[in-house]
Amino acid sequence: MAEMQKLHGLDIGYHKAWRAIQHASALIRGSPEENYELLCSYLYMMTSKNPGTYTNIKIDDNNRPVIAIDATFLKSKYRGVLMISVSKDANNQIFPLAFGIAESENNNSYEWYFSQLRNAIGSRENLIFLSDRHQAIANGIVKVYPESHHGICIYHLEQNLKRRKVKSEVIKLFQSSARVYKRKEFDIYMSDIANVDRKTYDYLMEEPPERWARSCSPQ
């Protein structure tokens, strides 16, 4: 910070300087996610170029225990809603799990839908559902999948912020706060939001961060 002031005449705070360092590091070294994607190739080259090298990767064969739920209105002759649940496959592609048609988004409809979903695919440990904040979805998950965690989709939460005319600067801070892996980094971004827009900070904190922030997720 002192060097920025000395060389460029710019006063920047600690948080902004820290984020700049993290961004520069990612540009040079790549993000942690990108580096993990290269790990298998790196170990292969190690064993190829240096015979006798021992490597081992242990992975979770049942990864991606996340199911996204949403619904859309049917606008043909026979009205209603189309409910769908999806996940991602090993190639990072969207994989549909179950479709359902009901008269509307209500408690009975989602209880029926989640019951059929459970009959079709069962349950598993550490299963997470993601959706918008529709109360009927939350009620259905609590009733049919009480052992599972229900998170809020940050895309829908971001759209809510835009409808509230929140500044783009604050929305970017929200995106960063939701995606970081470390709680310390989350706290820094949320502190920045509170300093810029206290109303938006209070609005976001109406929902426990465990439901929408990656670093706070219990699973």
C-alpha atoms as a PDB file:
ATOM      1  CA  MET A   1       0.000   0.000   0.000  1.00  0.00           C
ATOM      2  CA  ALA A   2       2.839   2.349   0.820  1.00  0.00           C
ATOM      3  CA  GLU A   3       4.487   1.497  -2.493  1.00  0.00           C
ATOM      4  CA  MET A   4       1.291   2.265  -4.436  1.00  0.00           C
ATOM      5  CA  GLN A   5       1.142   5.636  -2.714  1.00  0.00           C
ATOM      6  CA  LYS A   6       4.806   6.335  -3.395  1.00  0.00           C
ATOM      7  CA  LEU A   7       4.898   5.225  -7.053  1.00  0.00           C
ATOM      8  CA  HIS A   8       1.411   6.101  -8.255  1.00  0.00           C
ATOM      9  CA  GLY A   9      -0.059   8.462  -5.677  1.00  0.00           C
ATOM     10  CA  LEU A  10      -2.935   6.062  -4.954  1.00  0.00           C
ATOM     11  CA  ASP A  11      -4.409   5.411  -1.524  1.00  0.00           C
ATOM     12  CA  ILE A  12      -5.904   1.929  -1.285  1.00  0.00           C
ATOM     13  CA  GLY A  13      -7.213   0.040   1.708  1.00  0.00           C
ATOM     14  CA  TYR A  14      -5.954  -3.270   3.042  1.00  0.00           C
ATOM     15  CA  HIS A  15      -8.880  -5.286   1.669  1.00  0.00           C
ATOM     16  CA  LYS A  16      -8.508  -3.900  -1.844  1.00  0.00           C
ATOM     17  CA  ALA A  17      -4.755  -4.527  -1.782  1.00  0.00           C
ATOM     18  CA  TRP A  18      -5.320  -8.090  -0.587  1.00  0.00           C
ATOM     19  CA  ARG A  19      -7.834  -8.788  -3.375  1.00  0.00           C
ATOM     20  CA  ALA A  20      -5.441  -7.334  -5.956  1.00  0.00           C
ATOM     21  CA  ILE A  21      -2.677  -9.672  -4.779  1.00  0.00           C
ATOM     22  CA  GLN A  22      -5.022 -12.661  -4.965  1.00  0.00           C
ATOM     23  CA  HIS A  23      -6.136 -11.686  -8.464  1.00  0.00           C
ATOM     24  CA  ALA A  24      -2.564 -11.193  -9.684  1.00  0.00           C
ATOM     25  CA  SER A  25      -1.549 -14.537  -8.201  1.00  0.00           C
ATOM     26  CA  ALA A  26      -4.397 -16.277 -10.034  1.00  0.00           C
ATOM     27  CA  LEU A  27      -3.369 -14.657 -13.325  1.00  0.00           C
ATOM     28  CA  ILE A  28       0.209 -15.889 -12.913  1.00  0.00           C
ATOM     29  CA  ARG A  29      -0.284 -19.279 -11.273  1.00  0.00           C
ATOM     30  CA  GLY A  30      -3.867 -20.097 -12.156  1.00  0.00           C
ATOM     31  CA  SER A  31      -6.746 -20.609  -9.765  1.00  0.00           C
ATOM     32  CA  PRO A  32      -6.801 -23.516  -7.294  1.00  0.00           C
ATOM     33  CA  GLU A  33      -9.579 -25.125  -9.340  1.00  0.00           C
ATOM     34  CA  GLU A  34      -7.523 -24.935 -12.547  1.00  0.00           C
ATOM     35  CA  ASN A  35      -4.475 -26.355 -10.793  1.00  0.00           C
ATOM     36  CA  TYR A  36      -6.387 -29.307  -9.374  1.00  0.00           C
ATOM     37  CA  GLU A  37      -7.634 -30.114 -12.884  1.00  0.00           C
ATOM     38  CA  LEU A  38      -3.997 -30.501 -13.960  1.00  0.00           C
ATOM     39  CA  LEU A  39      -3.007 -32.702 -11.033  1.00  0.00           C
ATOM     40  CA  CYS A  40      -3.548 -36.063 -12.781  1.00  0.00           C
ATOM     41  CA  SER A  41      -1.531 -34.929 -15.808  1.00  0.00           C
ATOM     42  CA  TYR A  42       1.237 -33.639 -13.546  1.00  0.00           C
ATOM     43  CA  LEU A  43       1.528 -36.927 -11.675  1.00  0.00           C
ATOM     44  CA  TYR A  44       1.487 -38.855 -14.950  1.00  0.00           C
ATOM     45  CA  MET A  45       4.435 -36.808 -16.226  1.00  0.00           C
ATOM     46  CA  MET A  46       6.292 -37.356 -12.944  1.00  0.00           C
ATOM     47  CA  THR A  47       6.018 -41.140 -13.217  1.00  0.00           C
ATOM     48  CA  SER A  48       6.844 -41.047 -16.941  1.00  0.00           C
ATOM     49  CA  LYS A  49       9.963 -38.912 -16.623  1.00  0.00           C
ATOM     50  CA  ASN A  50      11.148 -40.274 -13.290  1.00  0.00           C
ATOM     51  CA  PRO A  51      10.551 -44.063 -13.163  1.00  0.00           C
ATOM     52  CA  GLY A  52      10.056 -45.362  -9.657  1.00  0.00           C
ATOM     53  CA  THR A  53       8.134 -42.302  -8.516  1.00  0.00           C
ATOM     54  CA  TYR A  54       5.114 -43.291  -6.438  1.00  0.00           C
ATOM     55  CA  THR A  55       1.923 -41.247  -6.618  1.00  0.00           C
ATOM     56  CA  ASN A  56      -1.570 -41.807  -5.302  1.00  0.00           C
ATOM     57  CA  ILE A  57      -4.818 -39.878  -5.637  1.00  0.00           C
ATOM     58  CA  LYS A  58      -7.808 -40.810  -3.544  1.00  0.00           C
ATOM     59  CA  ILE A  59     -11.096 -39.353  -4.730  1.00  0.00           C
ATOM     60  CA  ASP A  60     -14.719 -39.544  -3.716  1.00  0.00           C
ATOM     61  CA  ASP A  61     -16.444 -41.771  -6.257  1.00  0.00           C
ATOM     62  CA  ASN A  62     -19.778 -40.349  -5.182  1.00  0.00           C
ATOM     63  CA  ASN A  63     -18.865 -36.718  -5.670  1.00  0.00           C
ATOM     64  CA  ARG A  64     -21.192 -33.877  -6.645  1.00  0.00           C
ATOM     65  CA  PRO A  65     -23.931 -34.629  -4.096  1.00  0.00           C
ATOM     66  CA  VAL A  66     -25.760 -31.490  -5.264  1.00  0.00           C
ATOM     67  CA  ILE A  67     -29.203 -31.312  -6.869  1.00  0.00           C
ATOM     68  CA  ALA A  68     -30.619 -28.077  -8.294  1.00  0.00           C
ATOM     69  CA  ILE A  69     -34.404 -27.643  -8.309  1.00  0.00           C
ATOM     70  CA  ASP A  70     -36.498 -25.184 -10.316  1.00  0.00           C
ATOM     71  CA  ALA A  71     -39.817 -24.868 -12.115  1.00  0.00           C
ATOM     72  CA  THR A  72     -41.182 -23.055 -15.144  1.00  0.00           C
ATOM     73  CA  PHE A  73     -44.716 -22.198 -16.207  1.00  0.00           C
ATOM     74  CA  LEU A  74     -46.463 -24.171 -18.950  1.00  0.00           C
ATOM     75  CA  LYS A  75     -48.172 -21.775 -21.360  1.00  0.00           C
ATOM     76  CA  SER A  76     -49.889 -24.187 -23.735  1.00  0.00           C
ATOM     77  CA  LYS A  77     -53.590 -25.111 -23.695  1.00  0.00           C
ATOM     78  CA  TYR A  78     -53.191 -26.954 -20.412  1.00  0.00           C
ATOM     79  CA  ARG A  79     -51.514 -24.696 -17.903  1.00  0.00           C
ATOM     80  CA  GLY A  80     -49.410 -25.714 -14.959  1.00  0.00           C
ATOM     81  CA  VAL A  81     -45.766 -25.862 -13.950  1.00  0.00           C
ATOM     82  CA  LEU A  82     -42.927 -28.096 -15.082  1.00  0.00           C
ATOM     83  CA  MET A  83     -40.634 -28.997 -12.189  1.00  0.00           C
ATOM     84  CA  ILE A  84     -37.141 -30.283 -12.855  1.00  0.00           C
ATOM     85  CA  SER A  85     -34.138 -31.408 -10.847  1.00  0.00           C
ATOM     86  CA  VAL A  86     -30.645 -31.565 -12.344  1.00  0.00           C
ATOM     87  CA  SER A  87     -27.090 -32.306 -11.324  1.00  0.00           C
ATOM     88  CA  LYS A  88     -23.711 -32.368 -13.107  1.00  0.00           C
ATOM     89  CA  ASP A  89     -21.956 -35.408 -14.509  1.00  0.00           C
ATOM     90  CA  ALA A  90     -18.241 -36.242 -14.536  1.00  0.00           C
ATOM     91  CA  ASN A  91     -17.780 -34.139 -17.686  1.00  0.00           C
ATOM     92  CA  ASN A  92     -19.210 -31.087 -15.918  1.00  0.00           C
ATOM     93  CA  GLN A  93     -22.347 -31.229 -18.057  1.00  0.00           C
ATOM     94  CA  ILE A  94     -25.928 -30.735 -16.880  1.00  0.00           C
ATOM     95  CA  PHE A  95     -27.607 -34.082 -16.177  1.00  0.00           C
ATOM     96  CA  PRO A  96     -31.429 -34.092 -15.773  1.00  0.00           C
ATOM     97  CA  LEU A  97     -32.627 -36.284 -12.921  1.00  0.00           C
ATOM     98  CA  ALA A  98     -36.402 -35.948 -12.785  1.00  0.00           C
ATOM     99  CA  PHE A  99     -39.281 -34.010 -14.331  1.00  0.00           C
ATOM    100  CA  GLY A 100     -42.707 -33.419 -12.841  1.00  0.00           C
ATOM    101  CA  ILE A 101     -45.855 -31.564 -13.888  1.00  0.00           C
ATOM    102  CA  ALA A 102     -48.235 -30.014 -11.371  1.00  0.00           C
ATOM    103  CA  GLU A 103     -51.026 -27.454 -11.333  1.00  0.00           C
ATOM    104  CA  SER A 104     -48.937 -24.857  -9.484  1.00  0.00           C
ATOM    105  CA  GLU A 105     -45.992 -24.364  -7.162  1.00  0.00           C
ATOM    106  CA  ASN A 106     -47.495 -25.192  -3.789  1.00  0.00           C
ATOM    107  CA  ASN A 107     -46.744 -27.353  -0.772  1.00  0.00           C
ATOM    108  CA  ASN A 108     -48.683 -30.371  -2.033  1.00  0.00           C
ATOM    109  CA  SER A 109     -47.050 -30.243  -5.467  1.00  0.00           C
ATOM    110  CA  TYR A 110     -43.523 -30.132  -4.127  1.00  0.00           C
ATOM    111  CA  GLU A 111     -44.167 -32.752  -1.465  1.00  0.00           C
ATOM    112  CA  TRP A 112     -45.411 -35.061  -4.242  1.00  0.00           C
ATOM    113  CA  TYR A 113     -42.478 -34.182  -6.505  1.00  0.00           C
ATOM    114  CA  PHE A 114     -39.806 -34.758  -3.864  1.00  0.00           C
ATOM    115  CA  SER A 115     -41.481 -38.019  -2.842  1.00  0.00           C
ATOM    116  CA  GLN A 116     -41.253 -39.257  -6.434  1.00  0.00           C
ATOM    117  CA  LEU A 117     -37.656 -38.058  -6.663  1.00  0.00           C
ATOM    118  CA  ARG A 118     -36.760 -39.982  -3.524  1.00  0.00           C
ATOM    119  CA  ASN A 119     -38.477 -43.096  -4.880  1.00  0.00           C
ATOM    120  CA  ALA A 120     -36.435 -42.771  -8.083  1.00  0.00           C
ATOM    121  CA  ILE A 121     -32.947 -41.964  -6.797  1.00  0.00           C
ATOM    122  CA  GLY A 122     -33.128 -42.429  -3.044  1.00  0.00           C
ATOM    123  CA  SER A 123     -30.959 -40.319  -0.777  1.00  0.00           C
ATOM    124  CA  ARG A 124     -27.326 -40.221   0.262  1.00  0.00           C
ATOM    125  CA  GLU A 125     -25.084 -38.738   2.890  1.00  0.00           C
ATOM    126  CA  ASN A 126     -24.291 -35.011   2.625  1.00  0.00           C
ATOM    127  CA  LEU A 127     -26.883 -34.403  -0.096  1.00  0.00           C
ATOM    128  CA  ILE A 128     -27.444 -30.711  -0.870  1.00  0.00           C
ATOM    129  CA  PHE A 129     -30.405 -29.138  -2.672  1.00  0.00           C
ATOM    130  CA  LEU A 130     -30.130 -25.739  -4.360  1.00  0.00           C
ATOM    131  CA  SER A 131     -33.097 -23.620  -5.397  1.00  0.00           C
ATOM    132  CA  ASP A 132     -34.545 -20.139  -5.293  1.00  0.00           C
ATOM    133  CA  ARG A 133     -36.244 -18.925  -2.112  1.00  0.00           C
ATOM    134  CA  HIS A 134     -39.700 -20.329  -2.937  1.00  0.00           C
ATOM    135  CA  GLN A 135     -41.160 -21.416   0.383  1.00  0.00           C
ATOM    136  CA  ALA A 136     -42.988 -24.425  -1.075  1.00  0.00           C
ATOM    137  CA  ILE A 137     -39.658 -25.896  -2.222  1.00  0.00           C
ATOM    138  CA  ALA A 138     -38.198 -25.421   1.249  1.00  0.00           C
ATOM    139  CA  ASN A 139     -41.248 -27.044   2.842  1.00  0.00           C
ATOM    140  CA  GLY A 140     -41.056 -30.024   0.482  1.00  0.00           C
ATOM    141  CA  ILE A 141     -37.369 -30.616   1.199  1.00  0.00           C
ATOM    142  CA  VAL A 142     -37.891 -30.410   4.957  1.00  0.00           C
ATOM    143  CA  LYS A 143     -40.711 -32.950   4.785  1.00  0.00           C
ATOM    144  CA  VAL A 144     -39.248 -35.483   2.326  1.00  0.00           C
ATOM    145  CA  TYR A 145     -35.486 -34.961   2.698  1.00  0.00           C
ATOM    146  CA  PRO A 146     -35.153 -33.771   6.325  1.00  0.00           C
ATOM    147  CA  GLU A 147     -31.576 -35.070   6.526  1.00  0.00           C
ATOM    148  CA  SER A 148     -30.402 -32.939   3.583  1.00  0.00           C
ATOM    149  CA  HIS A 149     -29.076 -29.384   3.448  1.00  0.00           C
ATOM    150  CA  HIS A 150     -31.068 -26.785   1.471  1.00  0.00           C
ATOM    151  CA  GLY A 151     -29.044 -23.953  -0.041  1.00  0.00           C
ATOM    152  CA  ILE A 152     -30.058 -20.875  -2.015  1.00  0.00           C
ATOM    153  CA  CYS A 153     -28.946 -20.468  -5.626  1.00  0.00           C
ATOM    154  CA  ILE A 154     -26.769 -17.357  -5.778  1.00  0.00           C
ATOM    155  CA  TYR A 155     -27.967 -16.602  -9.336  1.00  0.00           C
ATOM    156  CA  HIS A 156     -31.500 -16.075  -8.042  1.00  0.00           C
ATOM    157  CA  LEU A 157     -30.181 -14.112  -5.088  1.00  0.00           C
ATOM    158  CA  GLU A 158     -28.180 -11.920  -7.465  1.00  0.00           C
ATOM    159  CA  GLN A 159     -31.301 -11.278  -9.568  1.00  0.00           C
ATOM    160  CA  ASN A 160     -33.088 -10.161  -6.411  1.00  0.00           C
ATOM    161  CA  LEU A 161     -30.285  -7.676  -5.765  1.00  0.00           C
ATOM    162  CA  LYS A 162     -30.598  -6.303  -9.295  1.00  0.00           C
ATOM    163  CA  ARG A 163     -34.348  -5.848  -8.847  1.00  0.00           C
ATOM    164  CA  ARG A 164     -33.562  -3.886  -5.695  1.00  0.00           C
ATOM    165  CA  LYS A 165     -31.359  -1.572  -7.831  1.00  0.00           C
ATOM    166  CA  VAL A 166     -28.196  -2.530  -5.959  1.00  0.00           C
ATOM    167  CA  LYS A 167     -25.013  -1.014  -7.411  1.00  0.00           C
ATOM    168  CA  SER A 168     -22.879  -3.228  -9.645  1.00  0.00           C
ATOM    169  CA  GLU A 169     -19.933  -2.693  -7.293  1.00  0.00           C
ATOM    170  CA  VAL A 170     -21.886  -4.275  -4.440  1.00  0.00           C
ATOM    171  CA  ILE A 171     -23.132  -7.132  -6.635  1.00  0.00           C
ATOM    172  CA  LYS A 172     -19.542  -7.990  -7.547  1.00  0.00           C
ATOM    173  CA  LEU A 173     -18.632  -8.045  -3.861  1.00  0.00           C
ATOM    174  CA  PHE A 174     -21.600 -10.345  -3.233  1.00  0.00           C
ATOM    175  CA  GLN A 175     -20.495 -12.700  -6.020  1.00  0.00           C
ATOM    176  CA  SER A 176     -17.023 -12.902  -4.524  1.00  0.00           C
ATOM    177  CA  SER A 177     -18.319 -13.412  -0.991  1.00  0.00           C
ATOM    178  CA  ALA A 178     -20.529 -16.289  -2.127  1.00  0.00           C
ATOM    179  CA  ARG A 179     -17.818 -18.104  -4.088  1.00  0.00           C
ATOM    180  CA  VAL A 180     -14.693 -17.943  -1.907  1.00  0.00           C
ATOM    181  CA  TYR A 181     -13.670 -21.060   0.010  1.00  0.00           C
ATOM    182  CA  LYS A 182     -12.301 -19.493   3.193  1.00  0.00           C
ATOM    183  CA  ARG A 183     -14.470 -17.963   5.905  1.00  0.00           C
ATOM    184  CA  LYS A 184     -11.887 -15.226   6.477  1.00  0.00           C
ATOM    185  CA  GLU A 185     -12.207 -14.115   2.858  1.00  0.00           C
ATOM    186  CA  PHE A 186     -16.002 -14.215   3.120  1.00  0.00           C
ATOM    187  CA  ASP A 187     -15.896 -11.949   6.174  1.00  0.00           C
ATOM    188  CA  ILE A 188     -13.682  -9.461   4.315  1.00  0.00           C
ATOM    189  CA  TYR A 189     -16.072  -9.195   1.364  1.00  0.00           C
ATOM    190  CA  MET A 190     -19.111  -8.888   3.624  1.00  0.00           C
ATOM    191  CA  SER A 191     -17.350  -6.149   5.590  1.00  0.00           C
ATOM    192  CA  ASP A 192     -16.798  -4.298   2.315  1.00  0.00           C
ATOM    193  CA  ILE A 193     -20.494  -4.661   1.449  1.00  0.00           C
ATOM    194  CA  ALA A 194     -21.517  -3.321   4.859  1.00  0.00           C
ATOM    195  CA  ASN A 195     -19.257  -0.295   4.416  1.00  0.00           C
ATOM    196  CA  VAL A 196     -20.705   0.520   0.993  1.00  0.00           C
ATOM    197  CA  ASP A 197     -24.372  -0.491   1.345  1.00  0.00           C
ATOM    198  CA  ARG A 198     -25.626  -1.419   4.801  1.00  0.00           C
ATOM    199  CA  LYS A 199     -29.182  -2.137   3.596  1.00  0.00           C
ATOM    200  CA  THR A 200     -27.952  -4.748   1.132  1.00  0.00           C
ATOM    201  CA  TYR A 201     -25.743  -6.290   3.802  1.00  0.00           C
ATOM    202  CA  ASP A 202     -28.739  -6.589   6.134  1.00  0.00           C
ATOM    203  CA  TYR A 203     -30.842  -8.045   3.309  1.00  0.00           C
ATOM    204  CA  LEU A 204     -28.245 -10.714   2.539  1.00  0.00           C
ATOM    205  CA  MET A 205     -27.855 -11.615   6.197  1.00  0.00           C
ATOM    206  CA  GLU A 206     -31.600 -12.240   6.505  1.00  0.00           C
ATOM    207  CA  GLU A 207     -30.700 -15.681   5.184  1.00  0.00           C
ATOM    208  CA  PRO A 208     -27.988 -17.555   7.104  1.00  0.00           C
ATOM    209  CA  PRO A 209     -24.720 -17.521   5.101  1.00  0.00           C
ATOM    210  CA  GLU A 210     -24.718 -21.314   5.489  1.00  0.00           C
ATOM    211  CA  ARG A 211     -27.447 -21.332   2.842  1.00  0.00           C
ATOM    212  CA  TRP A 212     -25.712 -19.304   0.142  1.00  0.00           C
ATOM    213  CA  ALA A 213     -21.985 -18.868   0.877  1.00  0.00           C
ATOM    214  CA  ARG A 214     -19.591 -21.629  -0.151  1.00  0.00           C
ATOM    215  CA  SER A 215     -17.202 -20.976   2.739  1.00  0.00           C
ATOM    216  CA  CYS A 216     -20.011 -21.291   5.296  1.00  0.00           C
ATOM    217  CA  SER A 217     -21.714 -24.392   3.915  1.00  0.00           C
ATOM    218  CA  PRO A 218     -21.894 -27.176   6.508  1.00  0.00           C
ATOM    219  CA  GLN A 219     -21.135 -29.773   3.819  1.00  0.00           C
END
